[in-house]
Amino acid sequence: MFAQVADAGSFTRAAERMKLPKSTVSRRIAALETELGERLLQRSTRKLLITEFGDKVLQHARQVLCEVEQTQALAQHRQVLPSGRLRVSMPADFANTALQTMLAEFVKTHPAISLELDLSARRVDLIGENFDLAIRMGDLPEDSLLTAKRLGVFRVGLYASPTFLTAHGAPTTPDDLNRLHALMLMSRTGEALPWRLQPLEGSEPGALITNPVSRTLANSPDVLMRLAQNGCGVTTLADFIVEPMINGGQLARVLPGWMAEPAVAWAVFPGRRLMPAKTRVFLDALTLTLDACPASRIDRP
């Protein structure tokens, strides 16, 4: 502020440039002089003179002003051209099956962003490990330090290979699944996540499949999908993922009148206020990609 007053030559003109009341500018300069213990300006009714001490302080003040302006210019540039290191955590299966094209386009469109993807199964500490955003599936624990945006709710069905169904017989009711080999997701405690089935139409009650005669557990939907493709059993998969496998004859729908619990995808990040441009454009790309999924396969809030 002192540099602005010195360059303007008056409190009035400086106040106008800074869009502040003249009294505020005068009071703050007086406070600065009191803190430094010496006058910076000699005031008269006609002109404003800079003291010898004020001239020395002015050199530093102008340097500070220049650095502030450079910082503001840098921030504005980063908002116009998103750049910098962007750390994102997401499930490897989701990245491979749903986001391959989106990630490739993002890297090509934003060369100034250094994208770092953590595809491990662990739930990262966004703030403690300095992550900008994470994609998480299912229910979220309460966390006052984080903000979550629901990306979509994916319809999930039962699938197996045609060869498996020919060899073992296609089930006609949920109870028939108990006699077939089940390919099931494994929880963090090492237990099988039960299949909670609901009819697509009508008032028929739901079914809970918890203990098939034989089963294989894995914490990777992609691995379970590949096992199903190779005739190993029945598994649950998001409908929009399996369309290429159905068209190619590698998978077939099992119990088409039933669906499993929908898969909810969330974007989690450290608050919405002052979100960096690099995070905002990535979140926008995610939203655009999932919005493009056919309405019959994804339900958005």
Protein backbone atom coordinates (compact mmCIF):
# COMPACT_ATOMS: atom_id res chain seq x y z
CA MET A 1 0.00 0.00 0.00
CA PHE A 2 2.90 2.36 0.77
CA ALA A 3 4.32 1.67 -2.70
CA GLN A 4 0.96 2.47 -4.28
CA VAL A 5 0.73 5.78 -2.37
CA ALA A 6 4.29 6.75 -3.26
CA ASP A 7 3.78 5.97 -6.96
CA ALA A 8 0.41 7.75 -7.11
CA GLY A 9 1.75 10.83 -5.34
CA SER A 10 -1.33 11.23 -3.17
CA PHE A 11 -3.55 9.30 -0.81
CA THR A 12 -6.62 10.16 -2.88
CA ARG A 13 -5.31 8.74 -6.17
CA ALA A 14 -3.87 5.67 -4.44
CA ALA A 15 -7.18 5.01 -2.69
CA GLU A 16 -9.02 5.25 -6.02
CA ARG A 17 -6.62 2.78 -7.67
CA MET A 18 -6.99 0.29 -4.81
CA LYS A 19 -10.74 0.94 -4.52
CA LEU A 20 -10.44 1.69 -0.81
CA PRO A 21 -11.59 4.63 1.32
CA LYS A 22 -8.94 7.33 1.62
CA SER A 23 -9.24 7.16 5.41
CA THR A 24 -8.37 3.45 5.35
CA VAL A 25 -5.23 4.04 3.30
CA SER A 26 -4.12 6.95 5.51
CA ARG A 27 -4.73 4.95 8.69
CA ARG A 28 -2.77 1.91 7.49
CA ILE A 29 0.22 3.99 6.35
CA ALA A 30 0.24 5.71 9.76
CA ALA A 31 0.16 2.27 11.43
CA LEU A 32 3.10 1.17 9.26
CA GLU A 33 5.10 4.26 10.28
CA THR A 34 4.34 3.54 13.94
CA GLU A 35 5.49 -0.07 13.54
CA LEU A 36 8.72 0.98 11.80
CA GLY A 37 9.30 3.81 14.29
CA GLU A 38 9.95 6.52 11.68
CA ARG A 39 8.06 8.64 9.20
CA LEU A 40 7.83 7.46 5.60
CA LEU A 41 5.98 10.48 4.21
CA GLN A 42 5.88 14.20 4.90
CA ARG A 43 2.33 15.45 4.35
CA SER A 44 1.38 19.00 3.45
CA THR A 45 -1.73 20.58 2.03
CA ARG A 46 -0.16 20.72 -1.45
CA LYS A 47 2.10 17.71 -1.84
CA LEU A 48 3.35 14.45 -0.44
CA LEU A 49 7.07 14.05 0.11
CA ILE A 50 8.91 10.80 0.70
CA THR A 51 11.44 10.94 3.55
CA GLU A 52 14.95 9.59 3.21
CA PHE A 53 13.96 6.57 5.29
CA GLY A 54 10.77 6.23 3.22
CA ASP A 55 12.83 6.15 0.02
CA LYS A 56 14.81 3.17 1.33
CA VAL A 57 11.66 1.37 2.44
CA LEU A 58 10.06 2.10 -0.93
CA GLN A 59 12.66 -0.01 -2.76
CA HIS A 60 11.61 -3.04 -0.70
CA ALA A 61 7.93 -2.14 -0.96
CA ARG A 62 8.09 -2.07 -4.76
CA GLN A 63 9.82 -5.45 -4.76
CA VAL A 64 7.05 -6.88 -2.57
CA LEU A 65 4.42 -5.36 -4.86
CA CYS A 66 6.10 -6.88 -7.90
CA GLU A 67 6.18 -10.32 -6.26
CA VAL A 68 2.51 -10.06 -5.29
CA GLU A 69 1.58 -9.16 -8.87
CA GLN A 70 3.65 -12.06 -10.20
CA THR A 71 1.92 -14.45 -7.79
CA GLN A 72 -1.49 -13.19 -8.88
CA ALA A 73 -0.49 -13.58 -12.53
CA LEU A 74 0.69 -17.15 -11.85
CA ALA A 75 -2.60 -18.03 -10.14
CA GLN A 76 -4.61 -16.54 -13.01
CA HIS A 77 -2.50 -18.43 -15.56
CA ARG A 78 -3.03 -21.73 -13.72
CA GLN A 79 -6.78 -21.16 -13.78
CA VAL A 80 -6.71 -20.44 -17.53
CA LEU A 81 -4.20 -23.22 -18.30
CA PRO A 82 -4.52 -26.02 -15.71
CA SER A 83 -1.08 -27.28 -14.78
CA GLY A 84 0.95 -28.96 -12.06
CA ARG A 85 1.04 -32.33 -10.35
CA LEU A 86 -2.35 -34.07 -10.07
CA ARG A 87 -2.51 -37.13 -7.79
CA VAL A 88 -5.57 -39.35 -8.24
CA SER A 89 -6.48 -42.62 -6.55
CA MET A 90 -8.98 -45.01 -8.15
CA PRO A 91 -9.70 -48.76 -8.38
CA ALA A 92 -7.59 -50.38 -11.11
CA ASP A 93 -10.62 -52.25 -12.50
CA PHE A 94 -12.61 -49.04 -12.87
CA ALA A 95 -9.70 -47.33 -14.62
CA ASN A 96 -9.22 -50.25 -17.02
CA THR A 97 -12.86 -50.90 -17.88
CA ALA A 98 -14.63 -47.54 -17.64
CA LEU A 99 -12.01 -44.83 -17.98
CA GLN A 100 -9.40 -45.96 -20.51
CA THR A 101 -10.51 -43.55 -23.23
CA MET A 102 -11.16 -40.69 -20.80
CA LEU A 103 -7.69 -40.97 -19.24
CA ALA A 104 -5.98 -41.07 -22.64
CA GLU A 105 -7.88 -38.00 -23.82
CA PHE A 106 -7.15 -36.15 -20.58
CA VAL A 107 -3.40 -36.73 -20.86
CA LYS A 108 -3.39 -35.49 -24.48
CA THR A 109 -5.64 -32.50 -23.77
CA HIS A 110 -3.75 -31.27 -20.69
CA PRO A 111 -0.02 -31.73 -21.30
CA ALA A 112 0.80 -29.15 -18.58
CA ILE A 113 -0.74 -31.45 -15.93
CA SER A 114 1.49 -34.19 -14.54
CA LEU A 115 -1.05 -36.94 -13.83
CA GLU A 116 -0.15 -39.54 -11.18
CA LEU A 117 -2.55 -42.48 -10.80
CA ASP A 118 -2.56 -44.72 -7.72
CA LEU A 119 -4.45 -47.89 -8.71
CA SER A 120 -3.85 -49.87 -5.53
CA ALA A 121 -6.74 -51.48 -3.66
CA ARG A 122 -6.01 -49.57 -0.44
CA ARG A 123 -8.05 -46.54 0.62
CA VAL A 124 -5.57 -43.67 0.57
CA ASP A 125 -5.49 -40.77 3.04
CA LEU A 126 -6.22 -37.89 0.67
CA ILE A 127 -4.98 -35.12 2.94
CA GLY A 128 -2.18 -36.99 4.71
CA GLU A 129 -0.77 -38.38 1.45
CA ASN A 130 -1.40 -35.22 -0.59
CA PHE A 131 -3.91 -36.66 -3.08
CA ASP A 132 -6.10 -34.28 -5.07
CA LEU A 133 -8.98 -36.67 -5.78
CA ALA A 134 -10.07 -40.27 -5.29
CA ILE A 135 -12.74 -42.40 -6.95
CA ARG A 136 -14.42 -44.71 -4.45
CA MET A 137 -17.15 -47.30 -4.81
CA GLY A 138 -19.97 -48.10 -2.41
CA ASP A 139 -20.85 -46.45 0.88
CA LEU A 140 -18.63 -43.66 2.20
CA PRO A 141 -17.73 -43.04 5.85
CA GLU A 142 -18.46 -39.61 7.29
CA ASP A 143 -15.48 -37.26 6.96
CA SER A 144 -15.89 -33.55 7.66
CA LEU A 145 -12.59 -32.73 5.93
CA LEU A 146 -13.63 -34.21 2.56
CA THR A 147 -16.28 -33.46 -0.03
CA ALA A 148 -17.92 -36.20 -2.11
CA LYS A 149 -19.71 -35.97 -5.45
CA ARG A 150 -21.77 -38.92 -6.64
CA LEU A 151 -20.68 -39.76 -10.17
CA GLY A 152 -23.26 -42.40 -10.91
CA VAL A 153 -25.19 -45.49 -9.85
CA PHE A 154 -24.43 -48.45 -12.09
CA ARG A 155 -26.85 -51.30 -12.67
CA VAL A 156 -25.27 -54.67 -11.84
CA GLY A 157 -26.32 -58.07 -13.21
CA LEU A 158 -25.28 -61.72 -13.07
CA TYR A 159 -23.12 -63.12 -15.87
CA ALA A 160 -21.44 -66.36 -16.94
CA SER A 161 -19.97 -67.78 -20.12
CA PRO A 162 -22.30 -69.64 -22.53
CA THR A 163 -20.07 -72.73 -22.21
CA PHE A 164 -20.47 -72.75 -18.41
CA LEU A 165 -24.25 -72.41 -18.68
CA THR A 166 -24.40 -75.21 -21.26
CA ALA A 167 -22.32 -77.50 -19.05
CA HIS A 168 -24.08 -76.77 -15.74
CA GLY A 169 -27.51 -75.55 -16.79
CA ALA A 170 -28.79 -71.99 -16.71
CA PRO A 171 -30.43 -71.09 -13.38
CA THR A 172 -34.10 -70.12 -13.49
CA THR A 173 -34.46 -68.85 -9.90
CA PRO A 174 -32.03 -67.20 -7.45
CA ASP A 175 -32.01 -70.41 -5.37
CA ASP A 176 -30.44 -72.23 -8.34
CA LEU A 177 -27.32 -70.11 -7.90
CA ASN A 178 -26.45 -71.98 -4.71
CA ARG A 179 -25.59 -75.11 -6.73
CA LEU A 180 -23.30 -73.27 -9.17
CA HIS A 181 -19.73 -72.13 -8.72
CA ALA A 182 -19.81 -68.47 -7.64
CA LEU A 183 -17.14 -65.89 -8.43
CA MET A 184 -17.55 -63.37 -5.60
CA LEU A 185 -15.92 -60.18 -4.42
CA MET A 186 -13.92 -60.44 -1.22
CA SER A 187 -14.36 -57.91 1.58
CA ARG A 188 -11.46 -56.24 3.42
CA THR A 189 -11.88 -58.83 6.17
CA GLY A 190 -11.49 -61.70 3.69
CA GLU A 191 -15.15 -62.74 3.60
CA ALA A 192 -17.37 -63.09 0.55
CA LEU A 193 -19.60 -60.10 -0.17
CA PRO A 194 -23.11 -61.60 -0.46
CA TRP A 195 -25.22 -61.12 -3.56
CA ARG A 196 -28.33 -59.12 -2.70
CA LEU A 197 -30.67 -59.66 -5.64
CA GLN A 198 -33.80 -57.72 -6.52
CA PRO A 199 -36.32 -58.39 -9.32
CA LEU A 200 -36.29 -55.82 -12.10
CA GLU A 201 -40.09 -55.72 -12.16
CA GLY A 202 -43.01 -56.84 -10.05
CA SER A 203 -43.40 -57.31 -6.31
CA GLU A 204 -41.42 -60.53 -5.95
CA PRO A 205 -39.26 -60.38 -2.77
CA GLY A 206 -35.52 -60.04 -3.01
CA ALA A 207 -33.03 -62.86 -2.47
CA LEU A 208 -29.77 -63.06 -0.52
CA ILE A 209 -27.13 -65.44 -1.87
CA THR A 210 -24.45 -65.96 0.79
CA ASN A 211 -23.23 -69.54 0.71
CA PRO A 212 -22.96 -71.26 -2.71
CA VAL A 213 -21.72 -74.83 -2.75
CA SER A 214 -18.40 -73.71 -4.23
CA ARG A 215 -16.94 -70.29 -4.79
CA THR A 216 -13.84 -68.32 -5.71
CA LEU A 217 -13.10 -65.02 -3.98
CA ALA A 218 -11.06 -62.06 -5.27
CA ASN A 219 -10.86 -58.35 -4.51
CA SER A 220 -10.74 -57.53 -8.23
CA PRO A 221 -13.91 -57.39 -10.38
CA ASP A 222 -11.67 -57.56 -13.46
CA VAL A 223 -10.19 -60.90 -12.36
CA LEU A 224 -13.67 -62.27 -11.64
CA MET A 225 -14.84 -61.13 -15.06
CA ARG A 226 -11.96 -62.93 -16.77
CA LEU A 227 -12.63 -66.10 -14.77
CA ALA A 228 -16.26 -65.95 -15.84
CA GLN A 229 -15.20 -65.48 -19.48
CA ASN A 230 -13.14 -68.66 -19.16
CA GLY A 231 -16.09 -70.73 -17.98
CA CYS A 232 -15.28 -70.83 -14.27
CA GLY A 233 -18.62 -69.70 -12.82
CA VAL A 234 -21.19 -66.95 -12.28
CA THR A 235 -20.28 -63.44 -11.18
CA THR A 236 -21.80 -59.97 -10.77
CA LEU A 237 -20.71 -57.19 -13.13
CA ALA A 238 -21.83 -53.68 -14.01
CA ASP A 239 -24.03 -53.95 -17.11
CA PHE A 240 -22.28 -51.23 -19.11
CA ILE A 241 -18.90 -52.98 -18.77
CA VAL A 242 -19.91 -56.34 -20.19
CA GLU A 243 -21.61 -55.25 -23.43
CA PRO A 244 -18.51 -56.00 -25.60
CA MET A 245 -18.23 -59.48 -24.04
CA ILE A 246 -21.91 -60.20 -24.68
CA ASN A 247 -21.65 -59.08 -28.30
CA GLY A 248 -18.54 -61.26 -28.68
CA GLY A 249 -20.25 -64.33 -27.22
CA GLN A 250 -17.91 -64.52 -24.21
CA LEU A 251 -20.54 -63.79 -21.58
CA ALA A 252 -24.31 -64.19 -21.25
CA ARG A 253 -26.80 -62.70 -18.81
CA VAL A 254 -27.90 -65.00 -16.00
CA LEU A 255 -31.38 -64.52 -14.48
CA PRO A 256 -32.15 -61.52 -16.71
CA GLY A 257 -35.18 -60.63 -14.59
CA TRP A 258 -32.98 -59.97 -11.55
CA MET A 259 -30.29 -57.43 -10.65
CA ALA A 260 -27.70 -57.23 -7.88
CA GLU A 261 -27.10 -54.20 -5.67
CA PRO A 262 -26.16 -51.18 -7.81
CA ALA A 263 -22.55 -50.01 -7.73
CA VAL A 264 -22.24 -46.38 -6.61
CA ALA A 265 -19.20 -44.40 -7.79
CA TRP A 266 -18.05 -41.31 -5.87
CA ALA A 267 -15.44 -38.63 -6.47
CA VAL A 268 -13.90 -37.58 -3.14
CA PHE A 269 -11.68 -34.51 -2.71
CA PRO A 270 -10.53 -32.06 -0.01
CA GLY A 271 -13.38 -29.54 -0.21
CA ARG A 272 -14.95 -27.53 -3.04
CA ARG A 273 -13.71 -24.07 -2.00
CA LEU A 274 -10.84 -22.82 -4.19
CA MET A 275 -10.56 -26.13 -6.05
CA PRO A 276 -7.43 -26.03 -8.26
CA ALA A 277 -8.11 -25.87 -11.98
CA LYS A 278 -6.22 -29.14 -12.53
CA THR A 279 -8.64 -30.96 -10.19
CA ARG A 280 -11.70 -29.23 -11.63
CA VAL A 281 -10.96 -30.21 -15.25
CA PHE A 282 -10.32 -33.84 -14.20
CA LEU A 283 -13.61 -33.93 -12.29
CA ASP A 284 -15.38 -32.39 -15.28
CA ALA A 285 -13.89 -35.04 -17.58
CA LEU A 286 -15.04 -37.81 -15.22
CA THR A 287 -18.57 -36.43 -15.07
CA LEU A 288 -18.77 -36.00 -18.85
CA THR A 289 -17.58 -39.58 -19.45
CA LEU A 290 -20.06 -41.16 -17.06
CA ASP A 291 -22.89 -38.94 -18.28
CA ALA A 292 -22.28 -40.42 -21.74
CA CYS A 293 -23.19 -43.92 -20.53
CA PRO A 294 -26.62 -45.02 -21.85
CA ALA A 295 -29.45 -43.99 -19.54
CA SER A 296 -30.57 -47.63 -19.22
CA ARG A 297 -27.28 -48.56 -17.61
CA ILE A 298 -26.49 -45.67 -15.33
CA ASP A 299 -28.76 -43.68 -13.10
CA ARG A 300 -27.55 -40.22 -12.13
CA PRO A 301 -29.01 -38.18 -9.27
